[in-house]
Amino acid sequence: MSTIRERNKELILRAASEEFADKGFAATKTSDIAAKAGLPKPNVYYYFKSKENLYREVLESIIAPIMQASTPFNADGDPQEVLSAYIRSKVRISRDLPHASKVFASEIMHGAPHLSPRQVEQLNEQARHNIECIQRWLERGQIANVDPHHLMFSIWAATQTYADFDWQIAVVTGKAKLDDSDYDAAAETIIRLVLKGCEPEAA
């Protein structure tokens, strides 16, 4: 029974991510989520109680990997290794969880009305930690004199675009859909740009 329960919840979460990403929270109907999941509408309420709870579960499903992506960040780590690992993880999230990533981006753009205070603080604390690590590297002369905040913002923007604008990128590259080679090339390109831009002036 637990296996069926987890399978059904996963189907609903995946369908909800797609619907919320395509239509936004207000315009999304639970009946459409159920239909996309191939399950009766009452199942949505049985597992998630309400559309609001389901939306929050979608957000939680993307927050966990976002937090995990920052695991390499530590002040004593090698900047090139840390930044490379972080960028690869962020691109991987855009590849593997594109719909949930779009939902999260939309939530942030609207002032995060559905994020709990705990989630907001969790994300802010992660950002502060990462920025402090970059600041330490800067003070030690391990990286160029770049603004730590704007370096993080630039990485967020460059990696998130492969979720938010995947259709446009596919059209421009002449593909029906992006494949693994596209995401690999994206990660390596972003890494090269960031690392070259962060090279200490003495180098």
N, C-alpha and C. Protein backbone atom coordinates (compact mmCIF):
# COMPACT_ATOMS: atom_id res chain seq x y z
N MET A 1 0.82 -1.21 0.00
CA MET A 1 0.00 0.00 0.00
C MET A 1 0.85 1.26 0.00
N SER A 2 1.96 1.19 0.77
CA SER A 2 2.83 2.36 0.83
C SER A 2 3.44 2.65 -0.54
N THR A 3 3.74 1.58 -1.30
CA THR A 3 4.30 1.77 -2.63
C THR A 3 3.30 2.44 -3.56
N ILE A 4 2.04 2.02 -3.49
CA ILE A 4 0.98 2.63 -4.30
C ILE A 4 0.79 4.08 -3.90
N ARG A 5 0.82 4.32 -2.59
CA ARG A 5 0.65 5.69 -2.08
C ARG A 5 1.76 6.60 -2.60
N GLU A 6 3.01 6.14 -2.50
CA GLU A 6 4.13 6.96 -2.96
C GLU A 6 4.08 7.16 -4.46
N ARG A 7 3.69 6.13 -5.19
CA ARG A 7 3.59 6.25 -6.65
C ARG A 7 2.53 7.28 -7.02
N ASN A 8 1.36 7.21 -6.37
CA ASN A 8 0.29 8.14 -6.69
C ASN A 8 0.68 9.57 -6.32
N LYS A 9 1.32 9.75 -5.19
CA LYS A 9 1.76 11.09 -4.79
C LYS A 9 2.77 11.65 -5.78
N GLU A 10 3.66 10.79 -6.24
CA GLU A 10 4.67 11.23 -7.21
C GLU A 10 4.01 11.63 -8.53
N LEU A 11 3.03 10.84 -8.97
CA LEU A 11 2.30 11.17 -10.20
C LEU A 11 1.59 12.51 -10.08
N ILE A 12 0.96 12.74 -8.93
CA ILE A 12 0.24 13.99 -8.71
C ILE A 12 1.21 15.16 -8.64
N LEU A 13 2.32 15.00 -7.93
CA LEU A 13 3.31 16.07 -7.82
C LEU A 13 3.88 16.44 -9.19
N ARG A 14 4.17 15.43 -9.98
CA ARG A 14 4.74 15.69 -11.31
C ARG A 14 3.72 16.44 -12.19
N ALA A 15 2.47 15.97 -12.16
CA ALA A 15 1.42 16.62 -12.94
C ALA A 15 1.18 18.05 -12.44
N ALA A 16 1.19 18.22 -11.12
CA ALA A 16 0.97 19.55 -10.54
C ALA A 16 2.09 20.50 -10.94
N SER A 17 3.32 20.02 -10.95
CA SER A 17 4.45 20.85 -11.36
C SER A 17 4.24 21.37 -12.78
N GLU A 18 3.80 20.50 -13.67
CA GLU A 18 3.58 20.89 -15.06
C GLU A 18 2.44 21.90 -15.18
N GLU A 19 1.34 21.63 -14.47
CA GLU A 19 0.18 22.51 -14.56
C GLU A 19 0.47 23.88 -13.94
N PHE A 20 1.09 23.89 -12.77
CA PHE A 20 1.42 25.17 -12.13
C PHE A 20 2.42 25.96 -12.96
N ALA A 21 3.37 25.24 -13.58
CA ALA A 21 4.37 25.92 -14.42
C ALA A 21 3.72 26.53 -15.65
N ASP A 22 2.75 25.83 -16.23
CA ASP A 22 2.11 26.29 -17.46
C ASP A 22 1.08 27.39 -17.21
N LYS A 23 0.32 27.26 -16.09
CA LYS A 23 -0.85 28.14 -15.91
C LYS A 23 -0.76 29.06 -14.69
N GLY A 24 0.19 28.80 -13.81
CA GLY A 24 0.24 29.57 -12.58
C GLY A 24 -0.70 28.98 -11.54
N PHE A 25 -0.57 29.44 -10.31
CA PHE A 25 -1.35 28.86 -9.21
C PHE A 25 -2.85 29.12 -9.38
N ALA A 26 -3.24 30.37 -9.62
CA ALA A 26 -4.66 30.74 -9.64
C ALA A 26 -5.43 30.03 -10.75
N ALA A 27 -4.82 29.90 -11.93
CA ALA A 27 -5.53 29.35 -13.08
C ALA A 27 -5.52 27.82 -13.13
N THR A 28 -4.73 27.20 -12.31
CA THR A 28 -4.65 25.74 -12.32
C THR A 28 -5.83 25.12 -11.58
N LYS A 29 -6.43 24.10 -12.19
CA LYS A 29 -7.55 23.38 -11.58
C LYS A 29 -7.08 22.01 -11.11
N THR A 30 -7.58 21.60 -9.96
CA THR A 30 -7.20 20.27 -9.45
C THR A 30 -7.70 19.18 -10.38
N SER A 31 -8.79 19.42 -11.08
CA SER A 31 -9.31 18.42 -12.02
C SER A 31 -8.32 18.19 -13.16
N ASP A 32 -7.64 19.28 -13.61
CA ASP A 32 -6.64 19.14 -14.67
C ASP A 32 -5.41 18.40 -14.16
N ILE A 33 -5.04 18.65 -12.91
CA ILE A 33 -3.91 17.94 -12.31
C ILE A 33 -4.21 16.45 -12.23
N ALA A 34 -5.42 16.13 -11.77
CA ALA A 34 -5.82 14.72 -11.65
C ALA A 34 -5.83 14.04 -13.01
N ALA A 35 -6.37 14.74 -14.02
CA ALA A 35 -6.44 14.16 -15.36
C ALA A 35 -5.04 13.90 -15.90
N LYS A 36 -4.13 14.84 -15.70
CA LYS A 36 -2.76 14.66 -16.19
C LYS A 36 -2.07 13.52 -15.46
N ALA A 37 -2.38 13.36 -14.17
CA ALA A 37 -1.78 12.28 -13.39
C ALA A 37 -2.43 10.93 -13.68
N GLY A 38 -3.59 10.94 -14.34
CA GLY A 38 -4.31 9.71 -14.64
C GLY A 38 -4.97 9.11 -13.41
N LEU A 39 -5.39 9.99 -12.49
CA LEU A 39 -6.00 9.54 -11.25
C LEU A 39 -7.31 10.30 -11.01
N PRO A 40 -8.22 9.72 -10.21
CA PRO A 40 -9.46 10.44 -9.89
C PRO A 40 -9.17 11.72 -9.11
N LYS A 41 -9.99 12.74 -9.33
CA LYS A 41 -9.80 14.01 -8.65
C LYS A 41 -9.78 13.88 -7.12
N PRO A 42 -10.63 13.02 -6.51
CA PRO A 42 -10.58 12.90 -5.04
C PRO A 42 -9.21 12.47 -4.51
N ASN A 43 -8.42 11.80 -5.34
CA ASN A 43 -7.08 11.39 -4.89
C ASN A 43 -6.20 12.59 -4.58
N VAL A 44 -6.38 13.67 -5.34
CA VAL A 44 -5.58 14.87 -5.09
C VAL A 44 -5.84 15.38 -3.68
N TYR A 45 -7.12 15.42 -3.30
CA TYR A 45 -7.48 15.90 -1.97
C TYR A 45 -7.15 14.88 -0.89
N TYR A 46 -7.22 13.61 -1.24
CA TYR A 46 -6.89 12.57 -0.27
C TYR A 46 -5.43 12.67 0.16
N TYR A 47 -4.54 12.88 -0.81
CA TYR A 47 -3.11 12.92 -0.52
C TYR A 47 -2.62 14.30 -0.08
N PHE A 48 -3.23 15.37 -0.59
CA PHE A 48 -2.68 16.70 -0.36
C PHE A 48 -3.65 17.69 0.30
N LYS A 49 -4.90 17.29 0.52
CA LYS A 49 -5.91 18.07 1.25
C LYS A 49 -6.43 19.29 0.49
N SER A 50 -5.55 20.03 -0.17
CA SER A 50 -5.99 21.23 -0.89
C SER A 50 -5.01 21.58 -2.00
N LYS A 51 -5.45 22.45 -2.91
CA LYS A 51 -4.56 22.91 -3.99
C LYS A 51 -3.39 23.69 -3.40
N GLU A 52 -3.65 24.46 -2.35
CA GLU A 52 -2.59 25.24 -1.70
C GLU A 52 -1.51 24.33 -1.14
N ASN A 53 -1.92 23.26 -0.46
CA ASN A 53 -0.94 22.32 0.09
C ASN A 53 -0.14 21.65 -1.01
N LEU A 54 -0.81 21.31 -2.10
CA LEU A 54 -0.12 20.67 -3.22
C LEU A 54 0.91 21.63 -3.83
N TYR A 55 0.52 22.88 -3.97
CA TYR A 55 1.45 23.88 -4.50
C TYR A 55 2.67 24.01 -3.60
N ARG A 56 2.46 24.03 -2.31
CA ARG A 56 3.57 24.13 -1.37
C ARG A 56 4.46 22.88 -1.44
N GLU A 57 3.86 21.73 -1.69
CA GLU A 57 4.66 20.50 -1.84
C GLU A 57 5.54 20.58 -3.09
N VAL A 58 5.01 21.17 -4.15
CA VAL A 58 5.82 21.37 -5.36
C VAL A 58 7.01 22.26 -5.05
N LEU A 59 6.75 23.34 -4.32
CA LEU A 59 7.84 24.24 -3.93
C LEU A 59 8.87 23.51 -3.07
N GLU A 60 8.39 22.72 -2.13
CA GLU A 60 9.31 21.98 -1.25
C GLU A 60 10.15 20.99 -2.04
N SER A 61 9.57 20.43 -3.10
CA SER A 61 10.29 19.43 -3.91
C SER A 61 11.47 20.04 -4.65
N ILE A 62 11.45 21.35 -4.88
CA ILE A 62 12.57 22.00 -5.57
C ILE A 62 13.52 22.66 -4.58
N ILE A 63 13.01 23.07 -3.42
CA ILE A 63 13.86 23.70 -2.42
C ILE A 63 14.93 22.73 -1.92
N ALA A 64 14.56 21.47 -1.72
CA ALA A 64 15.52 20.48 -1.22
C ALA A 64 16.74 20.36 -2.14
N PRO A 65 16.57 20.14 -3.45
CA PRO A 65 17.76 20.08 -4.32
C PRO A 65 18.51 21.39 -4.44
N ILE A 66 17.80 22.52 -4.35
CA ILE A 66 18.48 23.82 -4.37
C ILE A 66 19.42 23.92 -3.18
N MET A 67 18.94 23.51 -2.01
CA MET A 67 19.77 23.54 -0.81
C MET A 67 20.96 22.59 -0.96
N GLN A 68 20.70 21.41 -1.48
CA GLN A 68 21.75 20.41 -1.63
C GLN A 68 22.84 20.87 -2.61
N ALA A 69 22.46 21.67 -3.59
CA ALA A 69 23.43 22.14 -4.59
C ALA A 69 24.55 22.95 -3.95
N SER A 70 24.28 23.56 -2.80
CA SER A 70 25.27 24.40 -2.13
C SER A 70 26.21 23.62 -1.21
N THR A 71 26.05 22.31 -1.15
CA THR A 71 26.88 21.49 -0.26
C THR A 71 28.38 21.74 -0.45
N PRO A 72 28.88 21.91 -1.69
CA PRO A 72 30.33 22.11 -1.85
C PRO A 72 30.87 23.40 -1.25
N PHE A 73 30.00 24.39 -1.00
CA PHE A 73 30.49 25.68 -0.53
C PHE A 73 31.09 25.59 0.87
N ASN A 74 32.38 25.93 0.97
CA ASN A 74 33.05 26.10 2.26
C ASN A 74 34.24 27.01 2.04
N ALA A 75 34.52 27.82 3.03
CA ALA A 75 35.54 28.85 2.89
C ALA A 75 36.92 28.29 2.60
N ASP A 76 37.18 27.05 3.06
CA ASP A 76 38.49 26.45 2.86
C ASP A 76 38.58 25.64 1.57
N GLY A 77 37.48 25.56 0.84
CA GLY A 77 37.49 24.81 -0.41
C GLY A 77 38.16 25.58 -1.53
N ASP A 78 38.52 24.86 -2.58
CA ASP A 78 39.11 25.49 -3.75
C ASP A 78 38.01 26.17 -4.56
N PRO A 79 38.12 27.48 -4.81
CA PRO A 79 37.06 28.20 -5.51
C PRO A 79 36.67 27.58 -6.84
N GLN A 80 37.65 27.14 -7.61
CA GLN A 80 37.34 26.57 -8.92
C GLN A 80 36.52 25.30 -8.79
N GLU A 81 36.89 24.44 -7.84
CA GLU A 81 36.17 23.19 -7.63
C GLU A 81 34.77 23.45 -7.10
N VAL A 82 34.66 24.35 -6.12
CA VAL A 82 33.37 24.64 -5.51
C VAL A 82 32.40 25.25 -6.53
N LEU A 83 32.86 26.27 -7.24
CA LEU A 83 32.00 26.94 -8.21
C LEU A 83 31.60 26.00 -9.35
N SER A 84 32.54 25.16 -9.79
CA SER A 84 32.24 24.21 -10.86
C SER A 84 31.17 23.21 -10.42
N ALA A 85 31.32 22.67 -9.22
CA ALA A 85 30.35 21.71 -8.70
C ALA A 85 28.98 22.35 -8.53
N TYR A 86 28.97 23.58 -8.03
CA TYR A 86 27.71 24.29 -7.80
C TYR A 86 26.98 24.54 -9.12
N ILE A 87 27.71 25.01 -10.11
CA ILE A 87 27.10 25.30 -11.41
C ILE A 87 26.55 24.02 -12.05
N ARG A 88 27.31 22.94 -11.98
CA ARG A 88 26.82 21.67 -12.55
C ARG A 88 25.54 21.22 -11.85
N SER A 89 25.49 21.37 -10.53
CA SER A 89 24.29 20.98 -9.78
C SER A 89 23.09 21.84 -10.16
N LYS A 90 23.33 23.14 -10.33
CA LYS A 90 22.23 24.04 -10.69
C LYS A 90 21.70 23.76 -12.10
N VAL A 91 22.59 23.45 -13.02
CA VAL A 91 22.14 23.10 -14.38
C VAL A 91 21.40 21.77 -14.35
N ARG A 92 21.87 20.85 -13.53
CA ARG A 92 21.21 19.54 -13.40
C ARG A 92 19.78 19.71 -12.88
N ILE A 93 19.58 20.63 -11.96
CA ILE A 93 18.23 20.89 -11.44
C ILE A 93 17.33 21.40 -12.56
N SER A 94 17.85 22.32 -13.38
CA SER A 94 17.07 22.83 -14.50
C SER A 94 16.74 21.73 -15.50
N ARG A 95 17.64 20.78 -15.65
CA ARG A 95 17.40 19.66 -16.57
C ARG A 95 16.39 18.66 -15.99
N ASP A 96 16.57 18.27 -14.75
CA ASP A 96 15.77 17.19 -14.16
C ASP A 96 14.44 17.66 -13.59
N LEU A 97 14.36 18.92 -13.16
CA LEU A 97 13.14 19.43 -12.53
C LEU A 97 12.71 20.77 -13.17
N PRO A 98 12.55 20.77 -14.49
CA PRO A 98 12.27 22.05 -15.16
C PRO A 98 10.96 22.70 -14.74
N HIS A 99 9.92 21.90 -14.55
CA HIS A 99 8.62 22.47 -14.22
C HIS A 99 8.60 23.01 -12.79
N ALA A 100 9.11 22.24 -11.85
CA ALA A 100 9.18 22.72 -10.47
C ALA A 100 10.09 23.95 -10.38
N SER A 101 11.15 23.98 -11.21
CA SER A 101 12.04 25.14 -11.23
C SER A 101 11.30 26.39 -11.71
N LYS A 102 10.45 26.23 -12.72
CA LYS A 102 9.66 27.36 -13.22
C LYS A 102 8.66 27.84 -12.16
N VAL A 103 8.06 26.89 -11.45
CA VAL A 103 7.12 27.25 -10.39
C VAL A 103 7.84 28.05 -9.31
N PHE A 104 9.03 27.59 -8.94
CA PHE A 104 9.81 28.28 -7.91
C PHE A 104 10.19 29.69 -8.38
N ALA A 105 10.64 29.81 -9.63
CA ALA A 105 11.03 31.12 -10.16
C ALA A 105 9.84 32.07 -10.16
N SER A 106 8.67 31.58 -10.57
CA SER A 106 7.47 32.40 -10.58
C SER A 106 7.09 32.83 -9.17
N GLU A 107 7.21 31.91 -8.22
CA GLU A 107 6.91 32.22 -6.82
C GLU A 107 7.81 33.35 -6.32
N ILE A 108 9.09 33.29 -6.62
CA ILE A 108 10.03 34.32 -6.19
C ILE A 108 9.70 35.66 -6.86
N MET A 109 9.37 35.61 -8.15
CA MET A 109 9.07 36.84 -8.88
C MET A 109 7.82 37.53 -8.34
N HIS A 110 6.93 36.76 -7.71
CA HIS A 110 5.71 37.33 -7.15
C HIS A 110 5.84 37.62 -5.66
N GLY A 111 7.05 37.63 -5.14
CA GLY A 111 7.27 37.98 -3.75
C GLY A 111 7.15 36.84 -2.77
N ALA A 112 7.19 35.60 -3.27
CA ALA A 112 7.17 34.40 -2.43
C ALA A 112 5.98 34.34 -1.48
N PRO A 113 4.74 34.54 -1.96
CA PRO A 113 3.58 34.55 -1.06
C PRO A 113 3.26 33.20 -0.43
N HIS A 114 3.71 32.10 -1.06
CA HIS A 114 3.38 30.77 -0.54
C HIS A 114 4.53 30.11 0.21
N LEU A 115 5.70 30.73 0.21
CA LEU A 115 6.81 30.17 0.97
C LEU A 115 6.61 30.47 2.46
N SER A 116 6.91 29.49 3.29
CA SER A 116 6.80 29.70 4.72
C SER A 116 7.98 30.54 5.21
N PRO A 117 7.85 31.20 6.36
CA PRO A 117 8.98 31.93 6.93
C PRO A 117 10.21 31.03 7.11
N ARG A 118 9.97 29.78 7.46
CA ARG A 118 11.08 28.84 7.63
C ARG A 118 11.81 28.63 6.31
N GLN A 119 11.07 28.45 5.22
CA GLN A 119 11.69 28.24 3.92
C GLN A 119 12.45 29.48 3.45
N VAL A 120 11.85 30.65 3.68
CA VAL A 120 12.52 31.90 3.29
C VAL A 120 13.83 32.05 4.04
N GLU A 121 13.81 31.80 5.35
CA GLU A 121 15.02 31.93 6.14
C GLU A 121 16.05 30.87 5.73
N GLN A 122 15.58 29.69 5.43
CA GLN A 122 16.47 28.60 4.99
C GLN A 122 17.20 29.00 3.72
N LEU A 123 16.48 29.54 2.76
CA LEU A 123 17.08 29.96 1.49
C LEU A 123 18.01 31.15 1.69
N ASN A 124 17.60 32.10 2.53
CA ASN A 124 18.44 33.26 2.80
C ASN A 124 19.72 32.87 3.51
N GLU A 125 19.62 31.95 4.45
CA GLU A 125 20.79 31.50 5.18
C GLU A 125 21.77 30.80 4.25
N GLN A 126 21.24 30.01 3.33
CA GLN A 126 22.10 29.36 2.35
C GLN A 126 22.82 30.39 1.49
N ALA A 127 22.07 31.40 1.03
CA ALA A 127 22.68 32.44 0.19
C ALA A 127 23.75 33.20 0.96
N ARG A 128 23.47 33.52 2.22
CA ARG A 128 24.45 34.24 3.04
C ARG A 128 25.73 33.41 3.22
N HIS A 129 25.54 32.12 3.45
CA HIS A 129 26.71 31.25 3.62
C HIS A 129 27.56 31.22 2.36
N ASN A 130 26.93 31.05 1.21
CA ASN A 130 27.67 30.99 -0.04
C ASN A 130 28.41 32.31 -0.32
N ILE A 131 27.73 33.41 -0.06
CA ILE A 131 28.32 34.73 -0.30
C ILE A 131 29.49 34.98 0.65
N GLU A 132 29.36 34.54 1.89
CA GLU A 132 30.46 34.68 2.85
C GLU A 132 31.69 33.88 2.41
N CYS A 133 31.47 32.70 1.85
CA CYS A 133 32.59 31.90 1.34
C CYS A 133 33.30 32.65 0.21
N ILE A 134 32.52 33.20 -0.71
CA ILE A 134 33.11 33.95 -1.82
C ILE A 134 33.88 35.16 -1.29
N GLN A 135 33.33 35.83 -0.28
CA GLN A 135 34.00 36.98 0.32
C GLN A 135 35.34 36.57 0.93
N ARG A 136 35.40 35.44 1.58
CA ARG A 136 36.66 34.93 2.16
C ARG A 136 37.68 34.68 1.07
N TRP A 137 37.26 34.07 -0.03
CA TRP A 137 38.19 33.81 -1.14
C TRP A 137 38.72 35.13 -1.69
N LEU A 138 37.85 36.11 -1.79
CA LEU A 138 38.23 37.42 -2.31
C LEU A 138 39.28 38.06 -1.39
N GLU A 139 39.04 38.01 -0.09
CA GLU A 139 39.96 38.61 0.88
C GLU A 139 41.32 37.93 0.86
N ARG A 140 41.35 36.64 0.55
CA ARG A 140 42.61 35.90 0.51
C ARG A 140 43.30 36.03 -0.84
N GLY A 141 42.68 36.70 -1.79
CA GLY A 141 43.27 36.83 -3.11
C GLY A 141 43.12 35.59 -3.97
N GLN A 142 42.19 34.69 -3.59
CA GLN A 142 42.00 33.45 -4.35
C GLN A 142 41.15 33.66 -5.59
N ILE A 143 40.37 34.75 -5.59
CA ILE A 143 39.56 35.09 -6.77
C ILE A 143 39.71 36.59 -7.03
N ALA A 144 39.23 37.00 -8.19
CA ALA A 144 39.30 38.41 -8.58
C ALA A 144 38.39 39.25 -7.69
N ASN A 145 38.53 40.55 -7.80
CA ASN A 145 37.74 41.47 -6.99
C ASN A 145 36.35 41.64 -7.60
N VAL A 146 35.54 40.58 -7.47
CA VAL A 146 34.16 40.61 -7.96
C VAL A 146 33.22 40.79 -6.78
N ASP A 147 32.04 41.33 -7.03
CA ASP A 147 31.06 41.48 -5.97
C ASP A 147 30.43 40.11 -5.68
N PRO A 148 30.57 39.59 -4.46
CA PRO A 148 30.06 38.24 -4.15
C PRO A 148 28.56 38.08 -4.40
N HIS A 149 27.79 39.11 -4.05
CA HIS A 149 26.34 39.03 -4.27
C HIS A 149 26.02 38.89 -5.75
N HIS A 150 26.63 39.75 -6.56
CA HIS A 150 26.30 39.75 -7.97
C HIS A 150 26.89 38.55 -8.71
N LEU A 151 27.94 37.98 -8.18
CA LEU A 151 28.44 36.73 -8.75
C LEU A 151 27.40 35.64 -8.56
N MET A 152 26.83 35.55 -7.35
CA MET A 152 25.79 34.55 -7.10
C MET A 152 24.56 34.81 -7.96
N PHE A 153 24.15 36.08 -8.08
CA PHE A 153 22.98 36.40 -8.90
C PHE A 153 23.21 35.98 -10.35
N SER A 154 24.43 36.21 -10.84
CA SER A 154 24.75 35.86 -12.23
C SER A 154 24.69 34.36 -12.45
N ILE A 155 25.18 33.60 -11.48
CA ILE A 155 25.14 32.13 -11.60
C ILE A 155 23.70 31.65 -11.55
N TRP A 156 22.92 32.21 -10.64
CA TRP A 156 21.50 31.83 -10.57
C TRP A 156 20.81 32.07 -11.91
N ALA A 157 21.03 33.26 -12.47
CA ALA A 157 20.36 33.62 -13.73
C ALA A 157 20.80 32.71 -14.87
N ALA A 158 22.10 32.48 -14.96
CA ALA A 158 22.64 31.69 -16.08
C ALA A 158 22.17 30.25 -16.04
N THR A 159 22.05 29.68 -14.85
CA THR A 159 21.63 28.27 -14.74
C THR A 159 20.11 28.12 -14.79
N GLN A 160 19.39 29.05 -14.19
CA GLN A 160 17.93 28.98 -14.16
C GLN A 160 17.32 29.15 -15.54
N THR A 161 18.01 29.86 -16.41
CA THR A 161 17.45 30.12 -17.75
C THR A 161 17.22 28.83 -18.53
N TYR A 162 17.94 27.75 -18.19
CA TYR A 162 17.76 26.48 -18.91
C TYR A 162 16.50 25.74 -18.47
N ALA A 163 15.86 26.22 -17.39
CA ALA A 163 14.53 25.73 -17.03
C ALA A 163 13.47 26.68 -17.55
N ASP A 164 13.65 27.97 -17.29
CA ASP A 164 12.63 28.96 -17.62
C ASP A 164 12.46 29.15 -19.13
N PHE A 165 13.56 29.07 -19.87
CA PHE A 165 13.51 29.37 -21.31
C PHE A 165 13.96 28.17 -22.15
N ASP A 166 13.68 26.96 -21.67
CA ASP A 166 14.10 25.76 -22.40
C ASP A 166 13.48 25.69 -23.79
N TRP A 167 12.21 26.13 -23.92
CA TRP A 167 11.57 26.11 -25.23
C TRP A 167 12.30 27.03 -26.20
N GLN A 168 12.59 28.23 -25.76
CA GLN A 168 13.27 29.20 -26.63
C GLN A 168 14.66 28.70 -27.02
N ILE A 169 15.37 28.13 -26.05
CA ILE A 169 16.72 27.61 -26.34
C ILE A 169 16.65 26.48 -27.34
N ALA A 170 15.64 25.62 -27.20
CA ALA A 170 15.48 24.51 -28.14
C ALA A 170 15.20 25.03 -29.54
N VAL A 171 14.33 26.04 -29.65
CA VAL A 171 14.00 26.61 -30.96
C VAL A 171 15.23 27.22 -31.61
N VAL A 172 15.99 27.98 -30.84
CA VAL A 172 17.18 28.65 -31.38
C VAL A 172 18.22 27.63 -31.83
N THR A 173 18.34 26.55 -31.08
CA THR A 173 19.33 25.52 -31.43
C THR A 173 18.80 24.52 -32.46
N GLY A 174 17.54 24.69 -32.85
CA GLY A 174 16.97 23.84 -33.90
C GLY A 174 16.62 22.45 -33.44
N LYS A 175 16.25 22.30 -32.17
CA LYS A 175 15.92 20.99 -31.63
C LYS A 175 14.48 20.97 -31.13
N ALA A 176 13.89 19.79 -31.16
CA ALA A 176 12.55 19.64 -30.61
C ALA A 176 12.59 19.75 -29.09
N LYS A 177 13.69 19.27 -28.52
CA LYS A 177 13.84 19.29 -27.07
C LYS A 177 15.32 19.22 -26.74
N LEU A 178 15.73 19.90 -25.67
CA LEU A 178 17.13 19.84 -25.26
C LEU A 178 17.46 18.45 -24.75
N ASP A 179 18.70 18.02 -25.02
CA ASP A 179 19.13 16.72 -24.52
C ASP A 179 20.31 16.89 -23.56
N ASP A 180 20.82 15.78 -23.05
CA ASP A 180 21.89 15.84 -22.04
C ASP A 180 23.11 16.60 -22.54
N SER A 181 23.42 16.45 -23.83
CA SER A 181 24.60 17.13 -24.36
C SER A 181 24.45 18.65 -24.30
N ASP A 182 23.22 19.13 -24.45
CA ASP A 182 22.98 20.57 -24.36
C ASP A 182 23.22 21.07 -22.94
N TYR A 183 22.74 20.31 -21.96
CA TYR A 183 22.92 20.73 -20.57
C TYR A 183 24.39 20.61 -20.15
N ASP A 184 25.07 19.58 -20.67
CA ASP A 184 26.50 19.46 -20.38
C ASP A 184 27.26 20.64 -20.96
N ALA A 185 26.93 21.00 -22.20
CA ALA A 185 27.60 22.14 -22.85
C ALA A 185 27.29 23.44 -22.11
N ALA A 186 26.06 23.56 -21.64
CA ALA A 186 25.68 24.77 -20.90
C ALA A 186 26.50 24.88 -19.62
N ALA A 187 26.59 23.78 -18.88
CA ALA A 187 27.34 23.80 -17.62
C ALA A 187 28.80 24.15 -17.86
N GLU A 188 29.41 23.52 -18.87
CA GLU A 188 30.83 23.78 -19.13
C GLU A 188 31.07 25.21 -19.60
N THR A 189 30.13 25.76 -20.39
CA THR A 189 30.26 27.14 -20.86
C THR A 189 30.16 28.12 -19.70
N ILE A 190 29.16 27.91 -18.84
CA ILE A 190 28.98 28.80 -17.69
C ILE A 190 30.19 28.71 -16.76
N ILE A 191 30.67 27.49 -16.54
CA ILE A 191 31.84 27.29 -15.68
C ILE A 191 33.04 28.04 -16.24
N ARG A 192 33.26 27.93 -17.54
CA ARG A 192 34.42 28.60 -18.15
C ARG A 192 34.30 30.12 -17.98
N LEU A 193 33.13 30.66 -18.23
CA LEU A 193 32.93 32.10 -18.11
C LEU A 193 33.13 32.58 -16.67
N VAL A 194 32.57 31.83 -15.72
CA VAL A 194 32.68 32.24 -14.31
C VAL A 194 34.12 32.11 -13.82
N LEU A 195 34.76 30.99 -14.11
CA LEU A 195 36.12 30.79 -13.60
C LEU A 195 37.09 31.78 -14.23
N LYS A 196 36.96 32.04 -15.52
CA LYS A 196 37.84 33.01 -16.16
C LYS A 196 37.59 34.41 -15.58
N GLY A 197 36.33 34.72 -15.32
CA GLY A 197 36.00 36.01 -14.76
C GLY A 197 36.46 36.18 -13.31
N CYS A 198 36.65 35.04 -12.64
CA CYS A 198 37.05 35.07 -11.22
C CYS A 198 38.54 34.85 -11.02
N GLU A 199 39.29 34.71 -12.11
CA GLU A 199 40.73 34.52 -11.96
C GLU A 199 41.36 35.72 -11.26
N PRO A 200 42.21 35.46 -10.27
CA PRO A 200 42.89 36.59 -9.59
C PRO A 200 43.67 37.43 -10.59
N GLU A 201 43.70 38.73 -10.40
CA GLU A 201 44.37 39.63 -11.33
C GLU A 201 45.83 39.25 -11.54
N ALA A 202 46.49 38.79 -10.48
CA ALA A 202 47.89 38.42 -10.58
C ALA A 202 48.12 37.28 -11.55
N ALA A 203 47.08 36.42 -11.71
CA ALA A 203 47.21 35.29 -12.62
C ALA A 203 47.15 35.75 -14.06
